[in-house]
Every structure is written in structure tokens, then in C-alpha cells.
Amino acid sequence: MQGRFSFFPTTADRLADIEAVFDDCADGRNCRCAYWYRPNADYKARWGEGNRNWFRSLVAERRPPGILGYHENEPAGWCGVAPRAVFDRLRRSKPFAPVDDKPVWSINCFMVRKPFRRQGLSRLLLKHAVEFASANGAELYPGTLSMFLDAGFVEVARRLPARPIVRLECR
């Protein structure tokens, strides 16, 4: 299956492609991953066009904010991954507070366009996000635990019953 997809960091020249992914995913078209980066009041006040404009400026920065997956030349999915310190919501979260003082990267978002769902693309996005952040480690995505465990992550904390915190030790 992996041969059907290709993966690239999300850079400014791929803005139209990431927007195609977000626009095909319900809340994604209005959120643009601002939920993790911005204080709650700003996130809610700028729901929609404000978050879209904010995300465009994020993509224009030097460090890509995630990985884009393509099927042939068609944008198919997204995985947000960045140093944990850039995520305002994580910095202030008690349930997702750091488990130790190691500098880590966090995987905060997955989006897969409808035509590409149920094909294992999220697992491939995870694999490529880990490669993208391999020098720094990776921690936290409140989502499908089995996908992370299958990729070699281990659960390091669970402060809320349904929200495991996982880590992959990169060598």
C-alpha cells in the first residue's frame, strides 16, 4: 500500500494542496490546526477565515508544520507535527503536561480526505511524521492508541482515562 502514496513536508509551495485536504474534512476547513497553536479565545474568535489566514502564515515559516500525503499527484492527507513547545494548548494543559523534561515533538492532528479513508493512510502519515521528527523524539496525540503502539510507541502516561500519552524513543 505504501507505494501508492508519497509524503512531503508541508511547505509554502504546497499551500493549495494542504488547503484541499483541510477543506474536505468537516471542522478542518475552519480549524486549520489552530486549536493546538492558539489560545482558546483567539482560536474561537477566528474560527473559519481567521484560522485559515493564520495557517497560511504558519506554512510560510521556515519549519514545516507537518507532513502531506499524496496519492499520485492528488493531496490525500495531513499529519501535524512540531516541537511541543510551539503548541500553546499543550503548554497550558494539565492532562497533557510534559511527562519529563525531555524536549520532544508532538503529533497533534491527522486529516484524511474522504476518498482516501480506510486505506491505512493515517498509519503511513504517522510513519513519515516520525521520520520528520526523528532527531527529536515524538510525544502525544490524543487518538487511536493501537496505531501508535503498532508503530513502536509506548504509553508513558494516562492522566485522563481516554487520553493516553505515548512516546517513541528515537535512536
N, C-alpha and C. Protein backbone atom coordinates (compact mmCIF):
# COMPACT_ATOMS: atom_id res chain seq x y z
N MET A 1 0.81 -1.19 0.00
CA MET A 1 0.00 0.00 0.00
C MET A 1 0.85 1.26 0.00
N GLN A 2 2.02 1.26 0.70
CA GLN A 2 2.82 2.45 0.80
C GLN A 2 3.23 2.97 -0.57
N GLY A 3 3.44 2.10 -1.54
CA GLY A 3 3.83 2.52 -2.87
C GLY A 3 2.81 3.39 -3.57
N ARG A 4 1.58 3.35 -3.11
CA ARG A 4 0.52 4.16 -3.71
C ARG A 4 0.58 5.60 -3.25
N PHE A 5 1.32 5.86 -2.16
CA PHE A 5 1.34 7.19 -1.57
C PHE A 5 2.77 7.73 -1.53
N SER A 6 2.87 9.05 -1.56
CA SER A 6 4.15 9.73 -1.35
C SER A 6 3.93 10.80 -0.28
N PHE A 7 5.02 11.24 0.36
CA PHE A 7 4.92 12.11 1.52
C PHE A 7 5.95 13.21 1.45
N PHE A 8 5.53 14.43 1.84
CA PHE A 8 6.41 15.59 1.78
C PHE A 8 6.11 16.53 2.93
N PRO A 9 7.13 17.26 3.42
CA PRO A 9 6.86 18.30 4.41
C PRO A 9 5.93 19.35 3.82
N THR A 10 5.10 19.92 4.67
CA THR A 10 4.15 20.96 4.25
C THR A 10 4.88 22.29 4.18
N THR A 11 5.17 22.72 2.98
CA THR A 11 5.87 23.98 2.74
C THR A 11 4.95 24.93 1.98
N ALA A 12 5.35 26.20 1.89
CA ALA A 12 4.50 27.22 1.27
C ALA A 12 4.11 26.87 -0.16
N ASP A 13 4.99 26.19 -0.89
CA ASP A 13 4.66 25.83 -2.26
C ASP A 13 3.58 24.74 -2.33
N ARG A 14 3.23 24.15 -1.21
CA ARG A 14 2.18 23.12 -1.16
C ARG A 14 0.91 23.64 -0.49
N LEU A 15 0.78 24.94 -0.34
CA LEU A 15 -0.36 25.53 0.36
C LEU A 15 -1.70 25.10 -0.25
N ALA A 16 -1.82 25.14 -1.56
CA ALA A 16 -3.08 24.75 -2.19
C ALA A 16 -3.42 23.29 -1.88
N ASP A 17 -2.41 22.44 -1.79
CA ASP A 17 -2.64 21.02 -1.50
C ASP A 17 -3.12 20.80 -0.07
N ILE A 18 -2.49 21.47 0.90
CA ILE A 18 -2.94 21.31 2.28
C ILE A 18 -4.34 21.89 2.45
N GLU A 19 -4.63 22.97 1.76
CA GLU A 19 -5.97 23.53 1.85
C GLU A 19 -7.01 22.58 1.26
N ALA A 20 -6.66 21.85 0.23
CA ALA A 20 -7.59 20.85 -0.33
C ALA A 20 -7.89 19.76 0.69
N VAL A 21 -6.89 19.37 1.46
CA VAL A 21 -7.11 18.35 2.50
C VAL A 21 -8.01 18.91 3.59
N PHE A 22 -7.68 20.08 4.12
CA PHE A 22 -8.49 20.67 5.18
C PHE A 22 -9.93 20.91 4.72
N ASP A 23 -10.11 21.39 3.50
CA ASP A 23 -11.45 21.73 3.01
C ASP A 23 -12.34 20.51 2.83
N ASP A 24 -11.75 19.32 2.79
CA ASP A 24 -12.53 18.09 2.63
C ASP A 24 -12.84 17.43 3.98
N CYS A 25 -12.49 18.09 5.07
CA CYS A 25 -12.64 17.48 6.40
C CYS A 25 -13.39 18.40 7.35
N ALA A 26 -14.68 18.28 7.39
CA ALA A 26 -15.59 18.97 8.31
C ALA A 26 -14.97 20.16 9.05
N ASP A 27 -14.59 19.95 10.31
CA ASP A 27 -14.05 21.06 11.10
C ASP A 27 -12.69 21.54 10.60
N GLY A 28 -11.99 20.70 9.89
CA GLY A 28 -10.68 21.08 9.38
C GLY A 28 -10.72 22.33 8.54
N ARG A 29 -11.80 22.54 7.81
CA ARG A 29 -11.86 23.72 6.94
C ARG A 29 -11.91 25.01 7.74
N ASN A 30 -12.32 24.95 8.99
CA ASN A 30 -12.38 26.14 9.83
C ASN A 30 -11.32 26.18 10.92
N CYS A 31 -10.83 25.03 11.31
CA CYS A 31 -9.86 24.94 12.40
C CYS A 31 -8.44 25.20 11.93
N ARG A 32 -8.01 24.50 10.90
CA ARG A 32 -6.66 24.63 10.34
C ARG A 32 -5.59 24.39 11.40
N CYS A 33 -5.85 23.48 12.32
CA CYS A 33 -4.93 23.12 13.41
C CYS A 33 -4.65 24.27 14.36
N ALA A 34 -5.38 25.37 14.26
CA ALA A 34 -5.21 26.50 15.17
C ALA A 34 -5.56 26.11 16.60
N TYR A 35 -6.40 25.11 16.78
CA TYR A 35 -6.79 24.64 18.10
C TYR A 35 -5.57 24.38 18.97
N TRP A 36 -4.54 23.77 18.42
CA TRP A 36 -3.36 23.41 19.19
C TRP A 36 -2.40 24.56 19.39
N TYR A 37 -2.34 25.45 18.43
CA TYR A 37 -1.35 26.52 18.45
C TYR A 37 -1.81 27.78 19.18
N ARG A 38 -3.08 28.10 19.09
CA ARG A 38 -3.56 29.41 19.53
C ARG A 38 -4.33 29.34 20.84
N PRO A 39 -4.27 30.39 21.64
CA PRO A 39 -5.11 30.43 22.84
C PRO A 39 -6.58 30.24 22.45
N ASN A 40 -7.34 29.63 23.32
CA ASN A 40 -8.72 29.26 23.01
C ASN A 40 -9.56 30.45 22.53
N ALA A 41 -9.43 31.59 23.17
CA ALA A 41 -10.23 32.75 22.77
C ALA A 41 -9.91 33.17 21.34
N ASP A 42 -8.62 33.18 20.98
CA ASP A 42 -8.22 33.54 19.61
C ASP A 42 -8.72 32.50 18.62
N TYR A 43 -8.55 31.24 18.98
CA TYR A 43 -8.99 30.14 18.11
C TYR A 43 -10.48 30.27 17.80
N LYS A 44 -11.30 30.47 18.82
CA LYS A 44 -12.75 30.56 18.62
C LYS A 44 -13.14 31.83 17.89
N ALA A 45 -12.52 32.95 18.24
CA ALA A 45 -12.87 34.23 17.61
C ALA A 45 -12.52 34.25 16.13
N ARG A 46 -11.53 33.46 15.75
CA ARG A 46 -11.08 33.47 14.35
C ARG A 46 -11.50 32.20 13.59
N TRP A 47 -12.46 31.49 14.14
CA TRP A 47 -12.98 30.27 13.50
C TRP A 47 -13.31 30.58 12.05
N GLY A 48 -12.83 29.79 11.15
CA GLY A 48 -13.09 30.00 9.73
C GLY A 48 -11.96 30.77 9.08
N GLU A 49 -12.29 31.90 8.47
CA GLU A 49 -11.32 32.65 7.67
C GLU A 49 -10.12 33.12 8.49
N GLY A 50 -10.34 33.50 9.73
CA GLY A 50 -9.23 33.94 10.58
C GLY A 50 -8.21 32.83 10.79
N ASN A 51 -8.68 31.62 11.06
CA ASN A 51 -7.77 30.49 11.24
C ASN A 51 -7.12 30.09 9.92
N ARG A 52 -7.85 30.22 8.81
CA ARG A 52 -7.26 29.92 7.50
C ARG A 52 -6.09 30.88 7.22
N ASN A 53 -6.30 32.17 7.48
CA ASN A 53 -5.24 33.15 7.25
C ASN A 53 -4.05 32.90 8.17
N TRP A 54 -4.34 32.57 9.44
CA TRP A 54 -3.27 32.26 10.38
C TRP A 54 -2.46 31.07 9.88
N PHE A 55 -3.14 30.02 9.40
CA PHE A 55 -2.43 28.82 8.95
C PHE A 55 -1.56 29.12 7.73
N ARG A 56 -2.04 29.97 6.85
CA ARG A 56 -1.23 30.34 5.69
C ARG A 56 0.09 30.97 6.13
N SER A 57 0.04 31.79 7.17
CA SER A 57 1.29 32.39 7.66
C SER A 57 2.16 31.34 8.34
N LEU A 58 1.55 30.35 9.01
CA LEU A 58 2.32 29.27 9.63
C LEU A 58 3.08 28.47 8.58
N VAL A 59 2.42 28.15 7.48
CA VAL A 59 3.05 27.37 6.42
C VAL A 59 4.18 28.16 5.76
N ALA A 60 4.10 29.46 5.79
CA ALA A 60 5.13 30.30 5.17
C ALA A 60 6.40 30.37 6.03
N GLU A 61 6.33 29.93 7.28
CA GLU A 61 7.50 29.97 8.15
C GLU A 61 8.54 28.95 7.71
N ARG A 62 9.73 29.06 8.28
CA ARG A 62 10.85 28.22 7.88
C ARG A 62 10.63 26.73 8.16
N ARG A 63 10.07 26.40 9.33
CA ARG A 63 9.88 24.99 9.70
C ARG A 63 8.50 24.53 9.26
N PRO A 64 8.44 23.50 8.42
CA PRO A 64 7.13 22.98 8.01
C PRO A 64 6.34 22.47 9.22
N PRO A 65 5.03 22.74 9.28
CA PRO A 65 4.22 22.34 10.43
C PRO A 65 3.67 20.92 10.35
N GLY A 66 4.04 20.18 9.32
CA GLY A 66 3.51 18.82 9.21
C GLY A 66 3.91 18.15 7.92
N ILE A 67 3.24 17.02 7.69
CA ILE A 67 3.52 16.16 6.54
C ILE A 67 2.25 16.05 5.70
N LEU A 68 2.42 16.14 4.39
CA LEU A 68 1.32 15.93 3.45
C LEU A 68 1.51 14.59 2.75
N GLY A 69 0.42 13.84 2.65
CA GLY A 69 0.44 12.60 1.90
C GLY A 69 -0.31 12.78 0.59
N TYR A 70 0.23 12.19 -0.46
CA TYR A 70 -0.37 12.28 -1.79
C TYR A 70 -0.63 10.89 -2.33
N HIS A 71 -1.71 10.78 -3.08
CA HIS A 71 -1.96 9.59 -3.90
C HIS A 71 -1.73 10.05 -5.33
N GLU A 72 -0.69 9.52 -5.95
CA GLU A 72 -0.21 10.04 -7.23
C GLU A 72 0.05 11.53 -7.02
N ASN A 73 -0.58 12.43 -7.73
CA ASN A 73 -0.34 13.86 -7.53
C ASN A 73 -1.48 14.53 -6.77
N GLU A 74 -2.38 13.76 -6.21
CA GLU A 74 -3.54 14.32 -5.52
C GLU A 74 -3.31 14.35 -4.01
N PRO A 75 -3.49 15.54 -3.38
CA PRO A 75 -3.33 15.60 -1.93
C PRO A 75 -4.37 14.72 -1.24
N ALA A 76 -3.91 13.88 -0.31
CA ALA A 76 -4.79 12.89 0.31
C ALA A 76 -4.91 13.03 1.82
N GLY A 77 -3.84 13.46 2.51
CA GLY A 77 -3.90 13.52 3.96
C GLY A 77 -2.83 14.41 4.56
N TRP A 78 -3.00 14.68 5.84
CA TRP A 78 -2.14 15.60 6.59
C TRP A 78 -1.89 15.05 7.98
N CYS A 79 -0.70 15.28 8.47
CA CYS A 79 -0.35 14.99 9.86
C CYS A 79 0.43 16.18 10.38
N GLY A 80 -0.08 16.83 11.43
CA GLY A 80 0.62 17.94 12.05
C GLY A 80 1.67 17.41 13.02
N VAL A 81 2.87 17.93 12.94
CA VAL A 81 3.96 17.52 13.83
C VAL A 81 4.93 18.69 13.97
N ALA A 82 5.26 18.99 15.24
CA ALA A 82 6.15 20.12 15.51
C ALA A 82 6.70 19.98 16.92
N PRO A 83 7.71 20.78 17.25
CA PRO A 83 8.19 20.77 18.63
C PRO A 83 7.04 21.11 19.58
N ARG A 84 6.94 20.36 20.65
CA ARG A 84 5.84 20.51 21.60
C ARG A 84 5.71 21.95 22.09
N ALA A 85 6.82 22.62 22.24
CA ALA A 85 6.84 23.97 22.79
C ALA A 85 6.05 24.98 21.97
N VAL A 86 5.81 24.73 20.69
CA VAL A 86 5.08 25.71 19.88
C VAL A 86 3.57 25.62 20.06
N PHE A 87 3.09 24.58 20.70
CA PHE A 87 1.65 24.38 20.86
C PHE A 87 1.15 25.01 22.15
N ASP A 88 0.51 26.16 22.05
CA ASP A 88 0.02 26.88 23.22
C ASP A 88 -0.87 26.01 24.10
N ARG A 89 -1.76 25.27 23.50
CA ARG A 89 -2.71 24.45 24.27
C ARG A 89 -1.97 23.37 25.06
N LEU A 90 -0.94 22.80 24.50
CA LEU A 90 -0.16 21.79 25.23
C LEU A 90 0.66 22.42 26.35
N ARG A 91 1.17 23.61 26.13
CA ARG A 91 1.96 24.28 27.18
C ARG A 91 1.11 24.54 28.42
N ARG A 92 -0.19 24.78 28.24
CA ARG A 92 -1.06 25.13 29.36
C ARG A 92 -1.88 23.95 29.87
N SER A 93 -1.80 22.80 29.26
CA SER A 93 -2.65 21.67 29.60
C SER A 93 -2.13 20.89 30.80
N LYS A 94 -3.01 20.64 31.76
CA LYS A 94 -2.65 19.77 32.87
C LYS A 94 -2.69 18.30 32.46
N PRO A 95 -3.76 17.85 31.77
CA PRO A 95 -3.77 16.44 31.37
C PRO A 95 -2.64 16.06 30.42
N PHE A 96 -2.19 17.02 29.60
CA PHE A 96 -1.13 16.73 28.64
C PHE A 96 0.17 17.43 29.01
N ALA A 97 0.36 17.70 30.29
CA ALA A 97 1.61 18.30 30.76
C ALA A 97 2.77 17.37 30.42
N PRO A 98 3.96 17.91 30.27
CA PRO A 98 5.11 17.05 29.96
C PRO A 98 5.26 15.94 30.99
N VAL A 99 5.69 14.79 30.52
CA VAL A 99 5.90 13.65 31.42
C VAL A 99 7.31 13.70 32.03
N ASP A 100 8.20 14.49 31.42
CA ASP A 100 9.55 14.69 31.94
C ASP A 100 10.10 15.94 31.27
N ASP A 101 11.38 16.19 31.43
CA ASP A 101 11.95 17.42 30.88
C ASP A 101 12.62 17.23 29.51
N LYS A 102 12.40 16.09 28.88
CA LYS A 102 12.98 15.86 27.55
C LYS A 102 12.31 16.77 26.52
N PRO A 103 13.11 17.37 25.65
CA PRO A 103 12.49 18.14 24.55
C PRO A 103 11.92 17.16 23.53
N VAL A 104 10.66 17.28 23.23
CA VAL A 104 10.00 16.34 22.33
C VAL A 104 9.23 17.08 21.24
N TRP A 105 8.86 16.35 20.24
CA TRP A 105 7.96 16.83 19.21
C TRP A 105 6.62 16.17 19.47
N SER A 106 5.55 16.87 19.12
CA SER A 106 4.21 16.34 19.32
C SER A 106 3.50 16.19 17.98
N ILE A 107 2.77 15.11 17.88
CA ILE A 107 1.92 14.86 16.73
C ILE A 107 0.51 15.23 17.17
N ASN A 108 -0.05 16.25 16.55
CA ASN A 108 -1.26 16.82 17.09
C ASN A 108 -2.50 16.69 16.22
N CYS A 109 -2.36 16.25 14.98
CA CYS A 109 -3.52 16.28 14.10
C CYS A 109 -3.34 15.31 12.93
N PHE A 110 -4.42 14.63 12.60
CA PHE A 110 -4.48 13.82 11.37
C PHE A 110 -5.73 14.22 10.62
N MET A 111 -5.62 14.38 9.32
CA MET A 111 -6.78 14.58 8.45
C MET A 111 -6.56 13.78 7.18
N VAL A 112 -7.59 13.05 6.79
CA VAL A 112 -7.53 12.27 5.56
C VAL A 112 -8.78 12.60 4.75
N ARG A 113 -8.57 12.97 3.50
CA ARG A 113 -9.70 13.29 2.62
C ARG A 113 -10.57 12.04 2.43
N LYS A 114 -11.85 12.28 2.26
CA LYS A 114 -12.83 11.18 2.20
C LYS A 114 -12.47 10.06 1.22
N PRO A 115 -12.03 10.36 0.00
CA PRO A 115 -11.74 9.25 -0.93
C PRO A 115 -10.58 8.34 -0.50
N PHE A 116 -9.79 8.79 0.48
CA PHE A 116 -8.60 8.04 0.86
C PHE A 116 -8.68 7.42 2.26
N ARG A 117 -9.84 7.51 2.87
CA ARG A 117 -10.02 6.93 4.20
C ARG A 117 -10.10 5.41 4.13
N ARG A 118 -9.77 4.77 5.23
CA ARG A 118 -9.82 3.31 5.39
C ARG A 118 -8.86 2.58 4.44
N GLN A 119 -7.73 3.26 4.16
CA GLN A 119 -6.70 2.65 3.32
C GLN A 119 -5.35 2.60 4.04
N GLY A 120 -5.35 2.91 5.33
CA GLY A 120 -4.12 2.89 6.10
C GLY A 120 -3.28 4.15 5.97
N LEU A 121 -3.85 5.20 5.41
CA LEU A 121 -3.07 6.42 5.19
C LEU A 121 -2.64 7.07 6.50
N SER A 122 -3.48 7.05 7.53
CA SER A 122 -3.08 7.65 8.81
C SER A 122 -1.84 6.99 9.37
N ARG A 123 -1.77 5.68 9.25
CA ARG A 123 -0.58 4.96 9.74
C ARG A 123 0.67 5.37 8.94
N LEU A 124 0.51 5.55 7.66
CA LEU A 124 1.65 5.99 6.84
C LEU A 124 2.04 7.43 7.15
N LEU A 125 1.04 8.28 7.38
CA LEU A 125 1.34 9.66 7.78
C LEU A 125 2.11 9.67 9.10
N LEU A 126 1.69 8.82 10.04
CA LEU A 126 2.39 8.72 11.32
C LEU A 126 3.84 8.32 11.09
N LYS A 127 4.05 7.32 10.28
CA LYS A 127 5.41 6.84 10.00
C LYS A 127 6.28 7.98 9.45
N HIS A 128 5.75 8.73 8.52
CA HIS A 128 6.53 9.80 7.92
C HIS A 128 6.67 11.01 8.85
N ALA A 129 5.70 11.24 9.71
CA ALA A 129 5.83 12.30 10.71
C ALA A 129 6.94 11.95 11.69
N VAL A 130 7.03 10.68 12.07
CA VAL A 130 8.10 10.23 12.97
C VAL A 130 9.45 10.42 12.30
N GLU A 131 9.55 10.06 11.04
CA GLU A 131 10.81 10.26 10.32
C GLU A 131 11.18 11.74 10.28
N PHE A 132 10.17 12.58 10.08
CA PHE A 132 10.37 14.03 10.01
C PHE A 132 10.94 14.56 11.33
N ALA A 133 10.50 14.00 12.45
CA ALA A 133 10.91 14.47 13.77
C ALA A 133 11.87 13.53 14.47
N SER A 134 12.46 12.59 13.75
CA SER A 134 13.21 11.50 14.39
C SER A 134 14.37 11.97 15.26
N ALA A 135 15.00 13.04 14.92
CA ALA A 135 16.12 13.51 15.72
C ALA A 135 15.68 14.05 17.08
N ASN A 136 14.37 14.33 17.21
CA ASN A 136 13.88 14.99 18.42
C ASN A 136 12.96 14.14 19.27
N GLY A 137 12.56 12.99 18.83
CA GLY A 137 11.57 12.18 19.55
C GLY A 137 10.18 12.63 19.16
N ALA A 138 9.18 11.95 19.65
CA ALA A 138 7.80 12.34 19.35
C ALA A 138 6.92 11.95 20.51
N GLU A 139 6.02 12.84 20.88
CA GLU A 139 5.12 12.57 22.00
C GLU A 139 3.76 13.18 21.72
N LEU A 140 2.73 12.51 22.09
CA LEU A 140 1.38 13.00 22.24
C LEU A 140 0.57 13.16 20.96
N TYR A 141 -0.44 12.40 20.87
CA TYR A 141 -1.58 12.65 20.01
C TYR A 141 -2.74 11.95 20.66
N PRO A 142 -3.74 12.66 21.06
CA PRO A 142 -4.86 12.01 21.74
C PRO A 142 -5.76 11.33 20.72
N GLY A 143 -5.41 10.14 20.33
CA GLY A 143 -6.17 9.47 19.29
C GLY A 143 -6.05 7.97 19.37
N THR A 144 -5.99 7.34 18.23
CA THR A 144 -6.03 5.89 18.12
C THR A 144 -4.76 5.27 18.68
N LEU A 145 -4.87 4.72 19.88
CA LEU A 145 -3.72 4.17 20.56
C LEU A 145 -3.10 3.02 19.79
N SER A 146 -3.90 2.14 19.22
CA SER A 146 -3.35 0.96 18.54
C SER A 146 -2.43 1.35 17.39
N MET A 147 -2.76 2.40 16.67
CA MET A 147 -1.93 2.84 15.56
C MET A 147 -0.54 3.23 16.06
N PHE A 148 -0.49 3.92 17.20
CA PHE A 148 0.79 4.33 17.76
C PHE A 148 1.56 3.14 18.33
N LEU A 149 0.86 2.26 19.04
CA LEU A 149 1.54 1.08 19.60
C LEU A 149 2.10 0.21 18.49
N ASP A 150 1.34 0.04 17.41
CA ASP A 150 1.83 -0.75 16.27
C ASP A 150 3.07 -0.13 15.63
N ALA A 151 3.21 1.18 15.77
CA ALA A 151 4.37 1.87 15.19
C ALA A 151 5.56 1.91 16.15
N GLY A 152 5.44 1.27 17.31
CA GLY A 152 6.56 1.19 18.23
C GLY A 152 6.52 2.19 19.38
N PHE A 153 5.48 3.01 19.46
CA PHE A 153 5.34 3.94 20.58
C PHE A 153 4.98 3.15 21.83
N VAL A 154 5.27 3.72 22.99
CA VAL A 154 4.85 3.13 24.26
C VAL A 154 4.07 4.18 25.04
N GLU A 155 3.11 3.71 25.81
CA GLU A 155 2.33 4.62 26.65
C GLU A 155 3.20 5.03 27.83
N VAL A 156 3.33 6.35 28.07
CA VAL A 156 4.15 6.85 29.16
C VAL A 156 3.35 7.52 30.25
N ALA A 157 2.10 7.85 29.97
CA ALA A 157 1.23 8.46 30.97
C ALA A 157 -0.21 8.38 30.50
N ARG A 158 -1.14 8.45 31.47
CA ARG A 158 -2.56 8.50 31.15
C ARG A 158 -3.24 9.25 32.29
N ARG A 159 -3.33 10.55 32.12
CA ARG A 159 -3.91 11.39 33.17
C ARG A 159 -5.42 11.50 33.05
N LEU A 160 -5.93 11.21 31.87
CA LEU A 160 -7.37 11.12 31.63
C LEU A 160 -7.65 9.72 31.10
N PRO A 161 -8.74 9.09 31.50
CA PRO A 161 -8.98 7.69 31.11
C PRO A 161 -8.90 7.41 29.61
N ALA A 162 -9.39 8.31 28.79
CA ALA A 162 -9.42 8.06 27.35
C ALA A 162 -8.31 8.78 26.59
N ARG A 163 -7.30 9.30 27.29
CA ARG A 163 -6.26 10.09 26.63
C ARG A 163 -4.85 9.61 26.99
N PRO A 164 -4.40 8.53 26.39
CA PRO A 164 -3.03 8.08 26.66
C PRO A 164 -2.01 9.04 26.05
N ILE A 165 -0.88 9.16 26.70
CA ILE A 165 0.24 9.91 26.17
C ILE A 165 1.30 8.87 25.80
N VAL A 166 1.74 8.92 24.56
CA VAL A 166 2.68 7.93 24.06
C VAL A 166 3.97 8.60 23.64
N ARG A 167 5.02 7.81 23.56
CA ARG A 167 6.33 8.32 23.16
C ARG A 167 7.04 7.27 22.32
N LEU A 168 7.80 7.74 21.36
CA LEU A 168 8.68 6.89 20.59
C LEU A 168 10.09 7.36 20.86
N GLU A 169 10.90 6.50 21.40
CA GLU A 169 12.31 6.83 21.62
C GLU A 169 13.05 6.63 20.30
N CYS A 170 13.58 7.70 19.76
CA CYS A 170 14.31 7.61 18.50
C CYS A 170 15.78 7.36 18.81
N ARG A 171 16.35 6.53 18.00
CA ARG A 171 17.76 6.16 18.22
C ARG A 171 18.65 6.88 17.26
